[in-house]
């Protein structure tokens, strides 16, 4: 995965980088095994949890880069 964007589906991120789960857990997304949550985009998850999408994207992209 070259870069994670606001439109990237969470399930795709977790399939490629399972170690990204703690980033989602830190924003209050505790149901990562739920099919609905895995089908959300990063932007949708951030909107539901009231977190700035750019903040989460920065963490995720740093994680997959390392």
PDB file of N, CA and C in Angstrom:
ATOM      1  N   UNK A   1       0.856  -1.171   0.000  1.00  0.00           N
ATOM      2  CA  UNK A   1       0.000   0.000   0.000  1.00  0.00           C
ATOM      3  C   UNK A   1       0.902   1.234   0.000  1.00  0.00           C
ATOM      4  N   UNK A   2       0.773   2.048  -1.015  1.00  0.00           N
ATOM      5  CA  UNK A   2       1.637   3.207  -1.158  1.00  0.00           C
ATOM      6  C   UNK A   2       1.338   4.279  -0.113  1.00  0.00           C
ATOM      7  N   UNK A   3       0.085   4.661  -0.020  1.00  0.00           N
ATOM      8  CA  UNK A   3      -0.294   5.679   0.951  1.00  0.00           C
ATOM      9  C   UNK A   3      -1.745   5.464   1.345  1.00  0.00           C
ATOM     10  N   UNK A   4      -2.007   5.640   2.608  1.00  0.00           N
ATOM     11  CA  UNK A   4      -3.373   5.533   3.114  1.00  0.00           C
ATOM     12  C   UNK A   4      -4.013   6.909   2.995  1.00  0.00           C
ATOM     13  N   UNK A   5      -5.213   6.945   2.424  1.00  0.00           N
ATOM     14  CA  UNK A   5      -5.950   8.198   2.275  1.00  0.00           C
ATOM     15  C   UNK A   5      -7.240   8.121   3.081  1.00  0.00           C
ATOM     16  N   UNK A   6      -7.974   9.213   3.104  1.00  0.00           N
ATOM     17  CA  UNK A   6      -9.244   9.243   3.833  1.00  0.00           C
ATOM     18  C   UNK A   6     -10.251   8.273   3.244  1.00  0.00           C
ATOM     19  N   UNK A   7     -10.051   7.871   1.998  1.00  0.00           N
ATOM     20  CA  UNK A   7     -10.972   6.963   1.323  1.00  0.00           C
ATOM     21  C   UNK A   7     -10.556   5.499   1.408  1.00  0.00           C
ATOM     22  N   UNK A   8      -9.439   5.225   2.061  1.00  0.00           N
ATOM     23  CA  UNK A   8      -8.977   3.845   2.196  1.00  0.00           C
ATOM     24  C   UNK A   8      -9.878   3.109   3.188  1.00  0.00           C
ATOM     25  N   UNK A   9     -10.255   1.898   2.827  1.00  0.00           N
ATOM     26  CA  UNK A   9     -11.147   1.087   3.660  1.00  0.00           C
ATOM     27  C   UNK A   9     -10.334   0.457   4.799  1.00  0.00           C
ATOM     28  N   UNK A  10     -10.880   0.514   5.994  1.00  0.00           N
ATOM     29  CA  UNK A  10     -10.177   0.035   7.185  1.00  0.00           C
ATOM     30  C   UNK A  10      -9.809  -1.440   7.069  1.00  0.00           C
ATOM     31  N   UNK A  11     -10.693  -2.239   6.523  1.00  0.00           N
ATOM     32  CA  UNK A  11     -10.391  -3.663   6.350  1.00  0.00           C
ATOM     33  C   UNK A  11      -9.165  -3.882   5.485  1.00  0.00           C
ATOM     34  N   UNK A  12      -8.998  -3.072   4.452  1.00  0.00           N
ATOM     35  CA  UNK A  12      -7.813  -3.182   3.583  1.00  0.00           C
ATOM     36  C   UNK A  12      -6.547  -2.836   4.361  1.00  0.00           C
ATOM     37  N   UNK A  13      -6.631  -1.808   5.191  1.00  0.00           N
ATOM     38  CA  UNK A  13      -5.470  -1.412   5.993  1.00  0.00           C
ATOM     39  C   UNK A  13      -5.087  -2.544   6.945  1.00  0.00           C
ATOM     40  N   UNK A  14      -6.079  -3.102   7.632  1.00  0.00           N
ATOM     41  CA  UNK A  14      -5.802  -4.153   8.605  1.00  0.00           C
ATOM     42  C   UNK A  14      -5.295  -5.433   7.948  1.00  0.00           C
ATOM     43  N   UNK A  15      -5.737  -5.712   6.730  1.00  0.00           N
ATOM     44  CA  UNK A  15      -5.241  -6.896   6.013  1.00  0.00           C
ATOM     45  C   UNK A  15      -3.760  -6.750   5.677  1.00  0.00           C
ATOM     46  N   UNK A  16      -3.361  -5.545   5.313  1.00  0.00           N
ATOM     47  CA  UNK A  16      -1.978  -5.306   4.909  1.00  0.00           C
ATOM     48  C   UNK A  16      -1.084  -4.986   6.106  1.00  0.00           C
ATOM     49  N   UNK A  17      -1.637  -4.279   7.091  1.00  0.00           N
ATOM     50  CA  UNK A  17      -0.851  -3.860   8.264  1.00  0.00           C
ATOM     51  C   UNK A  17      -1.655  -4.103   9.535  1.00  0.00           C
ATOM     52  N   UNK A  18      -1.716  -5.360  10.007  1.00  0.00           N
ATOM     53  CA  UNK A  18      -2.483  -5.659  11.209  1.00  0.00           C
ATOM     54  C   UNK A  18      -2.039  -4.860  12.435  1.00  0.00           C
ATOM     55  N   UNK A  19      -0.791  -4.410  12.429  1.00  0.00           N
ATOM     56  CA  UNK A  19      -0.291  -3.618  13.553  1.00  0.00           C
ATOM     57  C   UNK A  19      -0.884  -2.207  13.580  1.00  0.00           C
ATOM     58  N   UNK A  20      -1.757  -1.890  12.624  1.00  0.00           N
ATOM     59  CA  UNK A  20      -2.451  -0.603  12.623  1.00  0.00           C
ATOM     60  C   UNK A  20      -3.649  -0.614  13.574  1.00  0.00           C
ATOM     61  N   UNK A  21      -4.036  -1.776  14.049  1.00  0.00           N
ATOM     62  CA  UNK A  21      -5.204  -1.884  14.935  1.00  0.00           C
ATOM     63  C   UNK A  21      -5.118  -0.950  16.149  1.00  0.00           C
ATOM     64  N   UNK A  22      -3.973  -0.840  16.821  1.00  0.00           N
ATOM     65  CA  UNK A  22      -3.910   0.073  17.977  1.00  0.00           C
ATOM     66  C   UNK A  22      -4.208   1.534  17.629  1.00  0.00           C
ATOM     67  N   UNK A  23      -3.913   1.942  16.408  1.00  0.00           N
ATOM     68  CA  UNK A  23      -4.223   3.323  16.003  1.00  0.00           C
ATOM     69  C   UNK A  23      -5.739   3.511  16.018  1.00  0.00           C
ATOM     70  N   UNK A  24      -6.454   2.539  15.462  1.00  0.00           N
ATOM     71  CA  UNK A  24      -7.913   2.637  15.459  1.00  0.00           C
ATOM     72  C   UNK A  24      -8.490   2.510  16.868  1.00  0.00           C
ATOM     73  N   UNK A  25      -7.906   1.640  17.653  1.00  0.00           N
ATOM     74  CA  UNK A  25      -8.370   1.477  19.031  1.00  0.00           C
ATOM     75  C   UNK A  25      -8.191   2.790  19.810  1.00  0.00           C
ATOM     76  N   UNK A  26      -7.129   3.526  19.523  1.00  0.00           N
ATOM     77  CA  UNK A  26      -6.849   4.761  20.249  1.00  0.00           C
ATOM     78  C   UNK A  26      -7.873   5.862  19.966  1.00  0.00           C
ATOM     79  N   UNK A  27      -8.610   5.746  18.844  1.00  0.00           N
ATOM     80  CA  UNK A  27      -9.641   6.743  18.551  1.00  0.00           C
ATOM     81  C   UNK A  27     -11.019   6.258  18.991  1.00  0.00           C
ATOM     82  N   UNK A  28     -11.052   5.134  19.695  1.00  0.00           N
ATOM     83  CA  UNK A  28     -12.316   4.638  20.218  1.00  0.00           C
ATOM     84  C   UNK A  28     -12.993   3.604  19.352  1.00  0.00           C
ATOM     85  N   UNK A  29     -12.310   3.132  18.341  1.00  0.00           N
ATOM     86  CA  UNK A  29     -12.876   2.135  17.435  1.00  0.00           C
ATOM     87  C   UNK A  29     -12.508   0.750  17.958  1.00  0.00           C
ATOM     88  N   UNK A  30     -13.319   0.243  18.868  1.00  0.00           N
ATOM     89  CA  UNK A  30     -13.000  -1.001  19.563  1.00  0.00           C
ATOM     90  C   UNK A  30     -13.634  -2.232  18.931  1.00  0.00           C
ATOM     91  N   UNK A  31     -14.352  -2.062  17.860  1.00  0.00           N
ATOM     92  CA  UNK A  31     -15.039  -3.208  17.251  1.00  0.00           C
ATOM     93  C   UNK A  31     -14.448  -3.535  15.878  1.00  0.00           C
ATOM     94  N   UNK A  32     -13.148  -3.661  15.799  1.00  0.00           N
ATOM     95  CA  UNK A  32     -12.486  -3.878  14.512  1.00  0.00           C
ATOM     96  C   UNK A  32     -12.838  -5.210  13.865  1.00  0.00           C
ATOM     97  N   UNK A  33     -13.331  -6.159  14.628  1.00  0.00           N
ATOM     98  CA  UNK A  33     -13.724  -7.439  14.065  1.00  0.00           C
ATOM     99  C   UNK A  33     -15.104  -7.408  13.427  1.00  0.00           C
ATOM    100  N   UNK A  34     -15.836  -6.352  13.675  1.00  0.00           N
ATOM    101  CA  UNK A  34     -17.183  -6.210  13.135  1.00  0.00           C
ATOM    102  C   UNK A  34     -17.111  -5.946  11.632  1.00  0.00           C
ATOM    103  N   UNK A  35     -17.881  -6.684  10.840  1.00  0.00           N
ATOM    104  CA  UNK A  35     -17.848  -6.467   9.385  1.00  0.00           C
ATOM    105  C   UNK A  35     -18.161  -5.030   8.979  1.00  0.00           C
ATOM    106  N   UNK A  36     -19.044  -4.373   9.714  1.00  0.00           N
ATOM    107  CA  UNK A  36     -19.383  -2.987   9.366  1.00  0.00           C
ATOM    108  C   UNK A  36     -18.191  -2.063   9.535  1.00  0.00           C
ATOM    109  N   UNK A  37     -17.442  -2.226  10.626  1.00  0.00           N
ATOM    110  CA  UNK A  37     -16.310  -1.327  10.857  1.00  0.00           C
ATOM    111  C   UNK A  37     -15.203  -1.569   9.845  1.00  0.00           C
ATOM    112  N   UNK A  38     -15.007  -2.814   9.452  1.00  0.00           N
ATOM    113  CA  UNK A  38     -13.966  -3.123   8.469  1.00  0.00           C
ATOM    114  C   UNK A  38     -14.307  -2.562   7.089  1.00  0.00           C
ATOM    115  N   UNK A  39     -15.578  -2.263   6.861  1.00  0.00           N
ATOM    116  CA  UNK A  39     -15.995  -1.727   5.571  1.00  0.00           C
ATOM    117  C   UNK A  39     -16.026  -0.212   5.516  1.00  0.00           C
ATOM    118  N   UNK A  40     -15.772   0.443   6.638  1.00  0.00           N
ATOM    119  CA  UNK A  40     -15.750   1.909   6.677  1.00  0.00           C
ATOM    120  C   UNK A  40     -14.446   2.445   6.118  1.00  0.00           C
ATOM    121  N   UNK A  41     -14.507   3.658   5.619  1.00  0.00           N
ATOM    122  CA  UNK A  41     -13.280   4.340   5.229  1.00  0.00           C
ATOM    123  C   UNK A  41     -12.690   5.006   6.466  1.00  0.00           C
ATOM    124  N   UNK A  42     -11.456   5.428   6.362  1.00  0.00           N
ATOM    125  CA  UNK A  42     -10.816   6.149   7.460  1.00  0.00           C
ATOM    126  C   UNK A  42     -11.612   7.419   7.774  1.00  0.00           C
ATOM    127  N   UNK A  43     -12.059   8.097   6.761  1.00  0.00           N
ATOM    128  CA  UNK A  43     -12.820   9.334   6.966  1.00  0.00           C
ATOM    129  C   UNK A  43     -14.123   9.063   7.720  1.00  0.00           C
ATOM    130  N   UNK A  44     -14.829   8.001   7.367  1.00  0.00           N
ATOM    131  CA  UNK A  44     -16.078   7.668   8.040  1.00  0.00           C
ATOM    132  C   UNK A  44     -15.840   7.344   9.521  1.00  0.00           C
ATOM    133  N   UNK A  45     -14.811   6.570   9.794  1.00  0.00           N
ATOM    134  CA  UNK A  45     -14.500   6.202  11.177  1.00  0.00           C
ATOM    135  C   UNK A  45     -14.154   7.440  11.999  1.00  0.00           C
ATOM    136  N   UNK A  46     -13.377   8.321  11.421  1.00  0.00           N
ATOM    137  CA  UNK A  46     -12.991   9.539  12.137  1.00  0.00           C
ATOM    138  C   UNK A  46     -14.210  10.423  12.405  1.00  0.00           C
ATOM    139  N   UNK A  47     -15.108  10.509  11.434  1.00  0.00           N
ATOM    140  CA  UNK A  47     -16.306  11.326  11.607  1.00  0.00           C
ATOM    141  C   UNK A  47     -17.173  10.785  12.737  1.00  0.00           C
ATOM    142  N   UNK A  48     -17.347   9.475  12.786  1.00  0.00           N
ATOM    143  CA  UNK A  48     -18.172   8.854  13.823  1.00  0.00           C
ATOM    144  C   UNK A  48     -17.572   9.077  15.205  1.00  0.00           C
ATOM    145  N   UNK A  49     -16.240   9.063  15.284  1.00  0.00           N
ATOM    146  CA  UNK A  49     -15.574   9.165  16.580  1.00  0.00           C
ATOM    147  C   UNK A  49     -15.075  10.576  16.900  1.00  0.00           C
ATOM    148  N   UNK A  50     -15.374  11.537  16.021  1.00  0.00           N
ATOM    149  CA  UNK A  50     -15.037  12.927  16.287  1.00  0.00           C
ATOM    150  C   UNK A  50     -13.547  13.220  16.330  1.00  0.00           C
ATOM    151  N   UNK A  51     -12.797  12.525  15.492  1.00  0.00           N
ATOM    152  CA  UNK A  51     -11.342  12.685  15.453  1.00  0.00           C
ATOM    153  C   UNK A  51     -10.949  13.301  14.111  1.00  0.00           C
ATOM    154  N   UNK A  52     -10.027  14.268  14.093  1.00  0.00           N
ATOM    155  CA  UNK A  52      -9.571  14.843  12.816  1.00  0.00           C
ATOM    156  C   UNK A  52      -8.921  13.770  11.940  1.00  0.00           C
ATOM    157  N   UNK A  53      -9.405  13.648  10.721  1.00  0.00           N
ATOM    158  CA  UNK A  53      -8.922  12.597   9.819  1.00  0.00           C
ATOM    159  C   UNK A  53      -7.425  12.750   9.533  1.00  0.00           C
ATOM    160  N   UNK A  54      -6.949  13.978   9.429  1.00  0.00           N
ATOM    161  CA  UNK A  54      -5.524  14.187   9.129  1.00  0.00           C
ATOM    162  C   UNK A  54      -4.626  13.650  10.235  1.00  0.00           C
ATOM    163  N   UNK A  55      -5.093  13.743  11.470  1.00  0.00           N
ATOM    164  CA  UNK A  55      -4.323  13.225  12.605  1.00  0.00           C
ATOM    165  C   UNK A  55      -4.147  11.703  12.494  1.00  0.00           C
ATOM    166  N   UNK A  56      -5.224  11.021  12.180  1.00  0.00           N
ATOM    167  CA  UNK A  56      -5.191   9.564  12.063  1.00  0.00           C
ATOM    168  C   UNK A  56      -4.391   9.146  10.833  1.00  0.00           C
ATOM    169  N   UNK A  57      -4.580   9.849   9.729  1.00  0.00           N
ATOM    170  CA  UNK A  57      -3.825   9.524   8.514  1.00  0.00           C
ATOM    171  C   UNK A  57      -2.327   9.659   8.738  1.00  0.00           C
ATOM    172  N   UNK A  58      -1.931  10.670   9.494  1.00  0.00           N
ATOM    173  CA  UNK A  58      -0.511  10.844   9.796  1.00  0.00           C
ATOM    174  C   UNK A  58       0.044   9.653  10.551  1.00  0.00           C
ATOM    175  N   UNK A  59      -0.703   9.187  11.543  1.00  0.00           N
ATOM    176  CA  UNK A  59      -0.260   8.031  12.333  1.00  0.00           C
ATOM    177  C   UNK A  59      -0.205   6.767  11.480  1.00  0.00           C
ATOM    178  N   UNK A  60      -1.242   6.555  10.687  1.00  0.00           N
ATOM    179  CA  UNK A  60      -1.298   5.343   9.867  1.00  0.00           C
ATOM    180  C   UNK A  60      -0.197   5.323   8.812  1.00  0.00           C
ATOM    181  N   UNK A  61      -0.006   6.443   8.145  1.00  0.00           N
ATOM    182  CA  UNK A  61       1.012   6.486   7.089  1.00  0.00           C
ATOM    183  C   UNK A  61       2.418   6.360   7.662  1.00  0.00           C
ATOM    184  N   UNK A  62       2.643   6.887   8.847  1.00  0.00           N
ATOM    185  CA  UNK A  62       3.945   6.710   9.496  1.00  0.00           C
ATOM    186  C   UNK A  62       4.159   5.245   9.833  1.00  0.00           C
ATOM    187  N   UNK A  63       3.126   4.599  10.300  1.00  0.00           N
ATOM    188  CA  UNK A  63       3.199   3.190  10.669  1.00  0.00           C
ATOM    189  C   UNK A  63       3.536   2.310   9.473  1.00  0.00           C
ATOM    190  N   UNK A  64       2.849   2.495   8.360  1.00  0.00           N
ATOM    191  CA  UNK A  64       3.099   1.648   7.190  1.00  0.00           C
ATOM    192  C   UNK A  64       4.427   1.998   6.523  1.00  0.00           C
ATOM    193  N   UNK A  65       4.890   3.216   6.730  1.00  0.00           N
ATOM    194  CA  UNK A  65       6.177   3.635   6.174  1.00  0.00           C
ATOM    195  C   UNK A  65       7.332   2.965   6.921  1.00  0.00           C
ATOM    196  N   UNK A  66       7.168   2.854   8.248  1.00  0.00           N
ATOM    197  CA  UNK A  66       8.215   2.255   9.093  1.00  0.00           C
ATOM    198  C   UNK A  66       8.182   0.781   8.883  1.00  0.00           C
TER     199      UNK A  66
END
